[in-house]
Each structure stands twice: as structure tokens, then as C-alpha cells.
Amino acid sequence: MTTPRFKLPLLTSSQAQKEVTHNEAITKLECFIQPVALSRTQLPDEPQAGDLVIQNNQLAYFVNGAWEYSGAFEGFECWVKDEGVKLVFWRGKWSSIAQIEN
């Protein structure tokens, strides 16, 4: 079972290795709470744990040596570092809602 919006894993009463499920949920929260994507055009050449990018309308975050993908939901906001822009996911696409001038 997962939560409806962020799809965080939920613990069950008789579940073994609860720490695995708990750690997965904490990792997803780390990614989704005030998210900062490196880019929405390319993956980094040498990704680091916790890196986040937007690819094909999905959020891709690097954890445990691999990229994991999660869909965005209506109203989800994300800062995109390389563009200096804040985006919102609305009607199936990412749209700019704020931009910082250098």
C-alpha cells in the first residue's frame, strides 16, 4: 500500500524489515519536499545521490546508484536550477510560474 499523492510506501503490522520501507519513504520525501531539479533537459554525467531532474513529464531522482521515476500530480511545483525557473505541473505538462533574472 502507498499514500495516494506521493506514493510513499506504508508499513503493515506484520511486515518484516520495516526499516527498508521507512527508508524508501524518507528518501522520497527528501526528493519531493521543496524539490530542486538540476535540469529538465538532461541527466548529469556523474549523478550524485539525491539528484533530481525532470524527464518526459516525470521526476527522476538518483538513489542507491540508479534513477527512479515518479509521476507528478496536478499542482506539483519544482524549481529548475539550470534555468532559474519555478514550474508547476498542470494539465499534463510543466509550465513556468516564476523566473529569476541573473
PDB file of N, CA and C in Angstrom:
ATOM      1  N   MET A   1       0.830  -1.179   0.000  1.00  0.00           N
ATOM      2  CA  MET A   1       0.000   0.000   0.000  1.00  0.00           C
ATOM      3  C   MET A   1       0.879   1.250   0.000  1.00  0.00           C
ATOM      4  N   THR A   2       0.366   2.274  -0.632  1.00  0.00           N
ATOM      5  CA  THR A   2       1.089   3.544  -0.692  1.00  0.00           C
ATOM      6  C   THR A   2       0.130   4.698  -0.402  1.00  0.00           C
ATOM      7  N   THR A   3       0.712   5.856  -0.120  1.00  0.00           N
ATOM      8  CA  THR A   3      -0.104   7.047   0.059  1.00  0.00           C
ATOM      9  C   THR A   3      -0.623   7.489  -1.303  1.00  0.00           C
ATOM     10  N   PRO A   4      -1.784   8.178  -1.347  1.00  0.00           N
ATOM     11  CA  PRO A   4      -2.386   8.495  -2.640  1.00  0.00           C
ATOM     12  C   PRO A   4      -1.606   9.487  -3.494  1.00  0.00           C
ATOM     13  N   ARG A   5      -1.023  10.510  -2.913  1.00  0.00           N
ATOM     14  CA  ARG A   5      -0.423  11.557  -3.731  1.00  0.00           C
ATOM     15  C   ARG A   5       1.057  11.312  -4.035  1.00  0.00           C
ATOM     16  N   PHE A   6       1.871  11.104  -3.016  1.00  0.00           N
ATOM     17  CA  PHE A   6       3.313  10.928  -3.228  1.00  0.00           C
ATOM     18  C   PHE A   6       3.710   9.477  -3.450  1.00  0.00           C
ATOM     19  N   LYS A   7       2.765   8.561  -3.294  1.00  0.00           N
ATOM     20  CA  LYS A   7       3.033   7.121  -3.450  1.00  0.00           C
ATOM     21  C   LYS A   7       4.125   6.653  -2.485  1.00  0.00           C
ATOM     22  N   LEU A   8       4.085   7.183  -1.252  1.00  0.00           N
ATOM     23  CA  LEU A   8       5.030   6.760  -0.228  1.00  0.00           C
ATOM     24  C   LEU A   8       4.605   5.392   0.288  1.00  0.00           C
ATOM     25  N   PRO A   9       5.557   4.483   0.504  1.00  0.00           N
ATOM     26  CA  PRO A   9       5.197   3.150   0.988  1.00  0.00           C
ATOM     27  C   PRO A   9       4.721   3.215   2.436  1.00  0.00           C
ATOM     28  N   LEU A  10       3.710   2.428   2.731  1.00  0.00           N
ATOM     29  CA  LEU A  10       3.166   2.369   4.085  1.00  0.00           C
ATOM     30  C   LEU A  10       3.592   1.069   4.763  1.00  0.00           C
ATOM     31  N   LEU A  11       3.803   1.145   6.054  1.00  0.00           N
ATOM     32  CA  LEU A  11       4.145  -0.036   6.834  1.00  0.00           C
ATOM     33  C   LEU A  11       2.890  -0.860   7.090  1.00  0.00           C
ATOM     34  N   THR A  12       3.071  -2.169   7.206  1.00  0.00           N
ATOM     35  CA  THR A  12       1.980  -3.036   7.609  1.00  0.00           C
ATOM     36  C   THR A  12       2.320  -3.635   8.969  1.00  0.00           C
ATOM     37  N   SER A  13       1.324  -4.075   9.683  1.00  0.00           N
ATOM     38  CA  SER A  13       1.526  -4.515  11.067  1.00  0.00           C
ATOM     39  C   SER A  13       2.461  -5.721  11.196  1.00  0.00           C
ATOM     40  N   SER A  14       2.412  -6.652  10.282  1.00  0.00           N
ATOM     41  CA  SER A  14       3.252  -7.851  10.403  1.00  0.00           C
ATOM     42  C   SER A  14       4.438  -7.841   9.438  1.00  0.00           C
ATOM     43  N   GLN A  15       4.787  -6.695   8.928  1.00  0.00           N
ATOM     44  CA  GLN A  15       5.835  -6.591   7.913  1.00  0.00           C
ATOM     45  C   GLN A  15       7.225  -6.803   8.507  1.00  0.00           C
ATOM     46  N   ALA A  16       8.028  -7.601   7.822  1.00  0.00           N
ATOM     47  CA  ALA A  16       9.434  -7.764   8.197  1.00  0.00           C
ATOM     48  C   ALA A  16      10.248  -6.648   7.557  1.00  0.00           C
ATOM     49  N   GLN A  17      11.374  -6.344   8.114  1.00  0.00           N
ATOM     50  CA  GLN A  17      12.294  -5.315   7.601  1.00  0.00           C
ATOM     51  C   GLN A  17      11.582  -3.986   7.360  1.00  0.00           C
ATOM     52  N   LYS A  18      10.892  -3.509   8.365  1.00  0.00           N
ATOM     53  CA  LYS A  18      10.168  -2.236   8.256  1.00  0.00           C
ATOM     54  C   LYS A  18      11.094  -1.077   7.933  1.00  0.00           C
ATOM     55  N   GLU A  19      12.350  -1.200   8.333  1.00  0.00           N
ATOM     56  CA  GLU A  19      13.295  -0.102   8.078  1.00  0.00           C
ATOM     57  C   GLU A  19      13.501   0.131   6.588  1.00  0.00           C
ATOM     58  N   VAL A  20      13.370  -0.894   5.758  1.00  0.00           N
ATOM     59  CA  VAL A  20      13.526  -0.734   4.316  1.00  0.00           C
ATOM     60  C   VAL A  20      12.395   0.142   3.767  1.00  0.00           C
ATOM     61  N   THR A  21      11.183  -0.161   4.155  1.00  0.00           N
ATOM     62  CA  THR A  21      10.032   0.627   3.723  1.00  0.00           C
ATOM     63  C   THR A  21      10.115   2.052   4.252  1.00  0.00           C
ATOM     64  N   HIS A  22      10.482   2.181   5.518  1.00  0.00           N
ATOM     65  CA  HIS A  22      10.619   3.509   6.129  1.00  0.00           C
ATOM     66  C   HIS A  22      11.683   4.330   5.397  1.00  0.00           C
ATOM     67  N   ASN A  23      12.819   3.738   5.118  1.00  0.00           N
ATOM     68  CA  ASN A  23      13.896   4.456   4.431  1.00  0.00           C
ATOM     69  C   ASN A  23      13.492   4.867   3.017  1.00  0.00           C
ATOM     70  N   GLU A  24      12.725   4.029   2.327  1.00  0.00           N
ATOM     71  CA  GLU A  24      12.239   4.383   0.998  1.00  0.00           C
ATOM     72  C   GLU A  24      11.321   5.604   1.070  1.00  0.00           C
ATOM     73  N   ALA A  25      10.455   5.624   2.058  1.00  0.00           N
ATOM     74  CA  ALA A  25       9.550   6.767   2.224  1.00  0.00           C
ATOM     75  C   ALA A  25      10.326   8.044   2.538  1.00  0.00           C
ATOM     76  N   ILE A  26      11.309   7.964   3.421  1.00  0.00           N
ATOM     77  CA  ILE A  26      12.120   9.139   3.768  1.00  0.00           C
ATOM     78  C   ILE A  26      12.885   9.645   2.540  1.00  0.00           C
ATOM     79  N   THR A  27      13.402   8.744   1.725  1.00  0.00           N
ATOM     80  CA  THR A  27      14.120   9.136   0.506  1.00  0.00           C
ATOM     81  C   THR A  27      13.202   9.880  -0.450  1.00  0.00           C
ATOM     82  N   LYS A  28      11.981   9.406  -0.603  1.00  0.00           N
ATOM     83  CA  LYS A  28      11.027  10.084  -1.491  1.00  0.00           C
ATOM     84  C   LYS A  28      10.644  11.452  -0.938  1.00  0.00           C
ATOM     85  N   LEU A  29      10.467  11.550   0.364  1.00  0.00           N
ATOM     86  CA  LEU A  29      10.175  12.858   0.964  1.00  0.00           C
ATOM     87  C   LEU A  29      11.323  13.834   0.707  1.00  0.00           C
ATOM     88  N   GLU A  30      12.543  13.353   0.830  1.00  0.00           N
ATOM     89  CA  GLU A  30      13.733  14.177   0.568  1.00  0.00           C
ATOM     90  C   GLU A  30      13.673  14.759  -0.846  1.00  0.00           C
ATOM     91  N   CYS A  31      13.184  13.967  -1.778  1.00  0.00           N
ATOM     92  CA  CYS A  31      13.090  14.391  -3.174  1.00  0.00           C
ATOM     93  C   CYS A  31      11.926  15.347  -3.404  1.00  0.00           C
ATOM     94  N   PHE A  32      10.776  15.075  -2.787  1.00  0.00           N
ATOM     95  CA  PHE A  32       9.550  15.780  -3.151  1.00  0.00           C
ATOM     96  C   PHE A  32       9.216  17.015  -2.321  1.00  0.00           C
ATOM     97  N   ILE A  33       9.821  17.185  -1.160  1.00  0.00           N
ATOM     98  CA  ILE A  33       9.521  18.355  -0.342  1.00  0.00           C
ATOM     99  C   ILE A  33      10.446  19.486  -0.770  1.00  0.00           C
ATOM    100  N   GLN A  34       9.882  20.570  -1.260  1.00  0.00           N
ATOM    101  CA  GLN A  34      10.611  21.695  -1.842  1.00  0.00           C
ATOM    102  C   GLN A  34      11.649  21.201  -2.864  1.00  0.00           C
ATOM    103  N   PRO A  35      11.185  20.538  -3.927  1.00  0.00           N
ATOM    104  CA  PRO A  35      12.104  19.936  -4.892  1.00  0.00           C
ATOM    105  C   PRO A  35      12.883  20.963  -5.714  1.00  0.00           C
ATOM    106  N   VAL A  36      14.134  20.615  -5.972  1.00  0.00           N
ATOM    107  CA  VAL A  36      15.009  21.409  -6.835  1.00  0.00           C
ATOM    108  C   VAL A  36      15.589  20.457  -7.878  1.00  0.00           C
ATOM    109  N   ALA A  37      15.129  20.602  -9.116  1.00  0.00           N
ATOM    110  CA  ALA A  37      15.640  19.777 -10.208  1.00  0.00           C
ATOM    111  C   ALA A  37      16.876  20.439 -10.796  1.00  0.00           C
ATOM    112  N   LEU A  38      17.866  19.647 -11.119  1.00  0.00           N
ATOM    113  CA  LEU A  38      19.065  20.181 -11.762  1.00  0.00           C
ATOM    114  C   LEU A  38      18.739  20.697 -13.154  1.00  0.00           C
ATOM    115  N   SER A  39      17.846  19.987 -13.853  1.00  0.00           N
ATOM    116  CA  SER A  39      17.550  20.308 -15.250  1.00  0.00           C
ATOM    117  C   SER A  39      16.236  19.641 -15.651  1.00  0.00           C
ATOM    118  N   ARG A  40      15.690  20.088 -16.767  1.00  0.00           N
ATOM    119  CA  ARG A  40      14.578  19.343 -17.374  1.00  0.00           C
ATOM    120  C   ARG A  40      14.934  18.936 -18.800  1.00  0.00           C
ATOM    121  N   THR A  41      16.214  19.013 -19.123  1.00  0.00           N
ATOM    122  CA  THR A  41      16.645  18.643 -20.462  1.00  0.00           C
ATOM    123  C   THR A  41      17.649  17.498 -20.489  1.00  0.00           C
ATOM    124  N   GLN A  42      18.413  17.304 -19.405  1.00  0.00           N
ATOM    125  CA  GLN A  42      19.428  16.252 -19.461  1.00  0.00           C
ATOM    126  C   GLN A  42      19.772  15.710 -18.080  1.00  0.00           C
ATOM    127  N   LEU A  43      20.190  14.443 -18.073  1.00  0.00           N
ATOM    128  CA  LEU A  43      20.690  13.822 -16.853  1.00  0.00           C
ATOM    129  C   LEU A  43      22.142  14.237 -16.659  1.00  0.00           C
ATOM    130  N   PRO A  44      22.597  14.410 -15.421  1.00  0.00           N
ATOM    131  CA  PRO A  44      24.007  14.745 -15.200  1.00  0.00           C
ATOM    132  C   PRO A  44      24.916  13.585 -15.601  1.00  0.00           C
ATOM    133  N   ASP A  45      26.135  13.921 -16.046  1.00  0.00           N
ATOM    134  CA  ASP A  45      27.091  12.883 -16.447  1.00  0.00           C
ATOM    135  C   ASP A  45      27.489  11.996 -15.275  1.00  0.00           C
ATOM    136  N   GLU A  46      27.681  12.603 -14.115  1.00  0.00           N
ATOM    137  CA  GLU A  46      28.059  11.856 -12.921  1.00  0.00           C
ATOM    138  C   GLU A  46      27.067  12.178 -11.804  1.00  0.00           C
ATOM    139  N   PRO A  47      25.909  11.517 -11.815  1.00  0.00           N
ATOM    140  CA  PRO A  47      24.879  11.845 -10.828  1.00  0.00           C
ATOM    141  C   PRO A  47      25.315  11.518  -9.406  1.00  0.00           C
ATOM    142  N   GLN A  48      24.827  12.325  -8.484  1.00  0.00           N
ATOM    143  CA  GLN A  48      25.069  12.125  -7.060  1.00  0.00           C
ATOM    144  C   GLN A  48      23.760  11.717  -6.399  1.00  0.00           C
ATOM    145  N   ALA A  49      23.848  11.024  -5.289  1.00  0.00           N
ATOM    146  CA  ALA A  49      22.651  10.634  -4.550  1.00  0.00           C
ATOM    147  C   ALA A  49      21.820  11.875  -4.251  1.00  0.00           C
ATOM    148  N   GLY A  50      20.544  11.804  -4.524  1.00  0.00           N
ATOM    149  CA  GLY A  50      19.649  12.918  -4.276  1.00  0.00           C
ATOM    150  C   GLY A  50      19.425  13.833  -5.464  1.00  0.00           C
ATOM    151  N   ASP A  51      20.186  13.659  -6.549  1.00  0.00           N
ATOM    152  CA  ASP A  51      19.972  14.485  -7.737  1.00  0.00           C
ATOM    153  C   ASP A  51      18.562  14.254  -8.275  1.00  0.00           C
ATOM    154  N   LEU A  52      17.959  15.330  -8.755  1.00  0.00           N
ATOM    155  CA  LEU A  52      16.600  15.286  -9.287  1.00  0.00           C
ATOM    156  C   LEU A  52      16.582  15.996 -10.625  1.00  0.00           C
ATOM    157  N   VAL A  53      15.915  15.415 -11.604  1.00  0.00           N
ATOM    158  CA  VAL A  53      15.717  16.044 -12.912  1.00  0.00           C
ATOM    159  C   VAL A  53      14.280  15.778 -13.356  1.00  0.00           C
ATOM    160  N   ILE A  54      13.824  16.572 -14.305  1.00  0.00           N
ATOM    161  CA  ILE A  54      12.514  16.337 -14.913  1.00  0.00           C
ATOM    162  C   ILE A  54      12.772  15.742 -16.293  1.00  0.00           C
ATOM    163  N   GLN A  55      12.182  14.591 -16.549  1.00  0.00           N
ATOM    164  CA  GLN A  55      12.329  13.917 -17.839  1.00  0.00           C
ATOM    165  C   GLN A  55      10.985  13.358 -18.267  1.00  0.00           C
ATOM    166  N   ASN A  56      10.576  13.681 -19.477  1.00  0.00           N
ATOM    167  CA  ASN A  56       9.322  13.154 -20.035  1.00  0.00           C
ATOM    168  C   ASN A  56       8.149  13.347 -19.070  1.00  0.00           C
ATOM    169  N   ASN A  57       8.044  14.553 -18.523  1.00  0.00           N
ATOM    170  CA  ASN A  57       6.980  14.916 -17.583  1.00  0.00           C
ATOM    171  C   ASN A  57       7.032  14.152 -16.269  1.00  0.00           C
ATOM    172  N   GLN A  58       8.107  13.423 -16.014  1.00  0.00           N
ATOM    173  CA  GLN A  58       8.261  12.702 -14.765  1.00  0.00           C
ATOM    174  C   GLN A  58       9.438  13.266 -13.979  1.00  0.00           C
ATOM    175  N   LEU A  59       9.412  13.010 -12.672  1.00  0.00           N
ATOM    176  CA  LEU A  59      10.537  13.359 -11.816  1.00  0.00           C
ATOM    177  C   LEU A  59      11.449  12.146 -11.743  1.00  0.00           C
ATOM    178  N   ALA A  60      12.717  12.348 -12.037  1.00  0.00           N
ATOM    179  CA  ALA A  60      13.704  11.283 -11.932  1.00  0.00           C
ATOM    180  C   ALA A  60      14.669  11.662 -10.816  1.00  0.00           C
ATOM    181  N   TYR A  61      14.814  10.790  -9.837  1.00  0.00           N
ATOM    182  CA  TYR A  61      15.746  11.074  -8.759  1.00  0.00           C
ATOM    183  C   TYR A  61      16.725   9.914  -8.620  1.00  0.00           C
ATOM    184  N   PHE A  62      17.965  10.280  -8.284  1.00  0.00           N
ATOM    185  CA  PHE A  62      19.046   9.307  -8.233  1.00  0.00           C
ATOM    186  C   PHE A  62      19.203   8.816  -6.801  1.00  0.00           C
ATOM    187  N   VAL A  63      19.013   7.532  -6.607  1.00  0.00           N
ATOM    188  CA  VAL A  63      19.107   6.940  -5.273  1.00  0.00           C
ATOM    189  C   VAL A  63      19.630   5.509  -5.397  1.00  0.00           C
ATOM    190  N   ASN A  64      20.493   5.133  -4.489  1.00  0.00           N
ATOM    191  CA  ASN A  64      21.073   3.781  -4.475  1.00  0.00           C
ATOM    192  C   ASN A  64      21.708   3.410  -5.809  1.00  0.00           C
ATOM    193  N   GLY A  65      22.354   4.374  -6.462  1.00  0.00           N
ATOM    194  CA  GLY A  65      23.091   4.111  -7.693  1.00  0.00           C
ATOM    195  C   GLY A  65      22.261   3.992  -8.947  1.00  0.00           C
ATOM    196  N   ALA A  66      20.967   4.342  -8.892  1.00  0.00           N
ATOM    197  CA  ALA A  66      20.108   4.219 -10.075  1.00  0.00           C
ATOM    198  C   ALA A  66      19.067   5.335 -10.084  1.00  0.00           C
ATOM    199  N   TRP A  67      18.527   5.596 -11.262  1.00  0.00           N
ATOM    200  CA  TRP A  67      17.454   6.585 -11.395  1.00  0.00           C
ATOM    201  C   TRP A  67      16.121   5.920 -11.115  1.00  0.00           C
ATOM    202  N   GLU A  68      15.305   6.558 -10.291  1.00  0.00           N
ATOM    203  CA  GLU A  68      13.937   6.118 -10.048  1.00  0.00           C
ATOM    204  C   GLU A  68      13.014   7.209 -10.568  1.00  0.00           C
ATOM    205  N   TYR A  69      11.888   6.817 -11.127  1.00  0.00           N
ATOM    206  CA  TYR A  69      10.963   7.763 -11.752  1.00  0.00           C
ATOM    207  C   TYR A  69       9.638   7.787 -11.010  1.00  0.00           C
ATOM    208  N   SER A  70       9.081   8.976 -10.940  1.00  0.00           N
ATOM    209  CA  SER A  70       7.790   9.160 -10.288  1.00  0.00           C
ATOM    210  C   SER A  70       7.005  10.197 -11.078  1.00  0.00           C
ATOM    211  N   GLY A  71       5.738   9.950 -11.253  1.00  0.00           N
ATOM    212  CA  GLY A  71       4.896  10.913 -11.942  1.00  0.00           C
ATOM    213  C   GLY A  71       4.577  12.105 -11.048  1.00  0.00           C
ATOM    214  N   ALA A  72       4.373  13.250 -11.643  1.00  0.00           N
ATOM    215  CA  ALA A  72       3.955  14.441 -10.908  1.00  0.00           C
ATOM    216  C   ALA A  72       2.437  14.470 -10.866  1.00  0.00           C
ATOM    217  N   PHE A  73       1.888  15.231  -9.937  1.00  0.00           N
ATOM    218  CA  PHE A  73       0.448  15.383  -9.843  1.00  0.00           C
ATOM    219  C   PHE A  73       0.083  16.838 -10.078  1.00  0.00           C
ATOM    220  N   GLU A  74      -1.178  17.105 -10.401  1.00  0.00           N
ATOM    221  CA  GLU A  74      -1.644  18.459 -10.682  1.00  0.00           C
ATOM    222  C   GLU A  74      -1.302  19.395  -9.520  1.00  0.00           C
ATOM    223  N   GLY A  75      -0.640  20.489  -9.834  1.00  0.00           N
ATOM    224  CA  GLY A  75      -0.274  21.478  -8.831  1.00  0.00           C
ATOM    225  C   GLY A  75       1.104  21.292  -8.226  1.00  0.00           C
ATOM    226  N   PHE A  76       1.814  20.223  -8.594  1.00  0.00           N
ATOM    227  CA  PHE A  76       3.158  19.979  -8.065  1.00  0.00           C
ATOM    228  C   PHE A  76       4.095  21.061  -8.594  1.00  0.00           C
ATOM    229  N   GLU A  77       4.886  21.654  -7.704  1.00  0.00           N
ATOM    230  CA  GLU A  77       5.817  22.713  -8.091  1.00  0.00           C
ATOM    231  C   GLU A  77       7.249  22.233  -7.937  1.00  0.00           C
ATOM    232  N   CYS A  78       8.124  22.725  -8.811  1.00  0.00           N
ATOM    233  CA  CYS A  78       9.533  22.329  -8.773  1.00  0.00           C
ATOM    234  C   CYS A  78      10.401  23.470  -9.298  1.00  0.00           C
ATOM    235  N   TRP A  79      11.454  23.798  -8.567  1.00  0.00           N
ATOM    236  CA  TRP A  79      12.444  24.772  -9.020  1.00  0.00           C
ATOM    237  C   TRP A  79      13.411  24.058  -9.947  1.00  0.00           C
ATOM    238  N   VAL A  80      13.735  24.651 -11.103  1.00  0.00           N
ATOM    239  CA  VAL A  80      14.705  24.080 -12.041  1.00  0.00           C
ATOM    240  C   VAL A  80      15.944  24.967 -12.015  1.00  0.00           C
ATOM    241  N   LYS A  81      16.994  24.423 -11.444  1.00  0.00           N
ATOM    242  CA  LYS A  81      18.205  25.178 -11.136  1.00  0.00           C
ATOM    243  C   LYS A  81      18.891  25.767 -12.370  1.00  0.00           C
ATOM    244  N   ASP A  82      19.098  24.959 -13.416  1.00  0.00           N
ATOM    245  CA  ASP A  82      19.875  25.454 -14.562  1.00  0.00           C
ATOM    246  C   ASP A  82      19.148  26.523 -15.379  1.00  0.00           C
ATOM    247  N   GLU A  83      17.826  26.614 -15.230  1.00  0.00           N
ATOM    248  CA  GLU A  83      17.056  27.629 -15.952  1.00  0.00           C
ATOM    249  C   GLU A  83      16.656  28.801 -15.060  1.00  0.00           C
ATOM    250  N   GLY A  84      16.771  28.627 -13.741  1.00  0.00           N
ATOM    251  CA  GLY A  84      16.336  29.666 -12.823  1.00  0.00           C
ATOM    252  C   GLY A  84      14.840  29.914 -12.925  1.00  0.00           C
ATOM    253  N   VAL A  85      14.071  28.827 -12.994  1.00  0.00           N
ATOM    254  CA  VAL A  85      12.631  28.955 -13.194  1.00  0.00           C
ATOM    255  C   VAL A  85      11.891  27.993 -12.259  1.00  0.00           C
ATOM    256  N   LYS A  86      10.727  28.451 -11.785  1.00  0.00           N
ATOM    257  CA  LYS A  86       9.855  27.584 -10.996  1.00  0.00           C
ATOM    258  C   LYS A  86       8.723  27.128 -11.895  1.00  0.00           C
ATOM    259  N   LEU A  87       8.494  25.823 -11.883  1.00  0.00           N
ATOM    260  CA  LEU A  87       7.475  25.222 -12.735  1.00  0.00           C
ATOM    261  C   LEU A  87       6.353  24.632 -11.893  1.00  0.00           C
ATOM    262  N   VAL A  88       5.193  24.535 -12.497  1.00  0.00           N
ATOM    263  CA  VAL A  88       4.071  23.829 -11.898  1.00  0.00           C
ATOM    264  C   VAL A  88       3.572  22.810 -12.918  1.00  0.00           C
ATOM    265  N   PHE A  89       3.220  21.610 -12.423  1.00  0.00           N
ATOM    266  CA  PHE A  89       2.671  20.581 -13.292  1.00  0.00           C
ATOM    267  C   PHE A  89       1.162  20.774 -13.344  1.00  0.00           C
ATOM    268  N   TRP A  90       0.653  21.077 -14.531  1.00  0.00           N
ATOM    269  CA  TRP A  90      -0.756  21.394 -14.686  1.00  0.00           C
ATOM    270  C   TRP A  90      -1.248  20.904 -16.038  1.00  0.00           C
ATOM    271  N   ARG A  91      -2.355  20.210 -16.026  1.00  0.00           N
ATOM    272  CA  ARG A  91      -2.969  19.683 -17.242  1.00  0.00           C
ATOM    273  C   ARG A  91      -1.993  18.846 -18.074  1.00  0.00           C
ATOM    274  N   GLY A  92      -1.211  18.046 -17.368  1.00  0.00           N
ATOM    275  CA  GLY A  92      -0.325  17.096 -18.034  1.00  0.00           C
ATOM    276  C   GLY A  92       0.988  17.646 -18.537  1.00  0.00           C
ATOM    277  N   LYS A  93       1.334  18.890 -18.161  1.00  0.00           N
ATOM    278  CA  LYS A  93       2.618  19.439 -18.609  1.00  0.00           C
ATOM    279  C   LYS A  93       3.175  20.401 -17.564  1.00  0.00           C
ATOM    280  N   TRP A  94       4.459  20.703 -17.688  1.00  0.00           N
ATOM    281  CA  TRP A  94       5.141  21.640 -16.807  1.00  0.00           C
ATOM    282  C   TRP A  94       5.066  23.038 -17.416  1.00  0.00           C
ATOM    283  N   SER A  95       4.638  24.000 -16.608  1.00  0.00           N
ATOM    284  CA  SER A  95       4.535  25.388 -17.066  1.00  0.00           C
ATOM    285  C   SER A  95       5.268  26.296 -16.092  1.00  0.00           C
ATOM    286  N   SER A  96       5.883  27.339 -16.631  1.00  0.00           N
ATOM    287  CA  SER A  96       6.619  28.299 -15.819  1.00  0.00           C
ATOM    288  C   SER A  96       5.664  29.159 -14.996  1.00  0.00           C
ATOM    289  N   ILE A  97       6.000  29.351 -13.714  1.00  0.00           N
ATOM    290  CA  ILE A  97       5.204  30.256 -12.880  1.00  0.00           C
ATOM    291  C   ILE A  97       6.057  31.360 -12.275  1.00  0.00           C
ATOM    292  N   ALA A  98       7.371  31.223 -12.347  1.00  0.00           N
ATOM    293  CA  ALA A  98       8.257  32.271 -11.830  1.00  0.00           C
ATOM    294  C   ALA A  98       9.642  32.085 -12.442  1.00  0.00           C
ATOM    295  N   GLN A  99      10.315  33.191 -12.649  1.00  0.00           N
ATOM    296  CA  GLN A  99      11.671  33.128 -13.195  1.00  0.00           C
ATOM    297  C   GLN A  99      12.516  34.176 -12.495  1.00  0.00           C
ATOM    298  N   ILE A 100      13.759  33.817 -12.223  1.00  0.00           N
ATOM    299  CA  ILE A 100      14.715  34.717 -11.577  1.00  0.00           C
ATOM    300  C   ILE A 100      15.691  35.207 -12.638  1.00  0.00           C
ATOM    301  N   GLU A 101      15.844  36.503 -12.729  1.00  0.00           N
ATOM    302  CA  GLU A 101      16.817  37.093 -13.664  1.00  0.00           C
ATOM    303  C   GLU A 101      18.175  37.197 -12.981  1.00  0.00           C
ATOM    304  N   ASN A 102      19.213  36.861 -13.693  1.00  0.00           N
ATOM    305  CA  ASN A 102      20.587  36.983 -13.145  1.00  0.00           C
ATOM    306  C   ASN A 102      21.084  38.387 -13.237  1.00  0.00           C
TER     307      ASN A 102
END
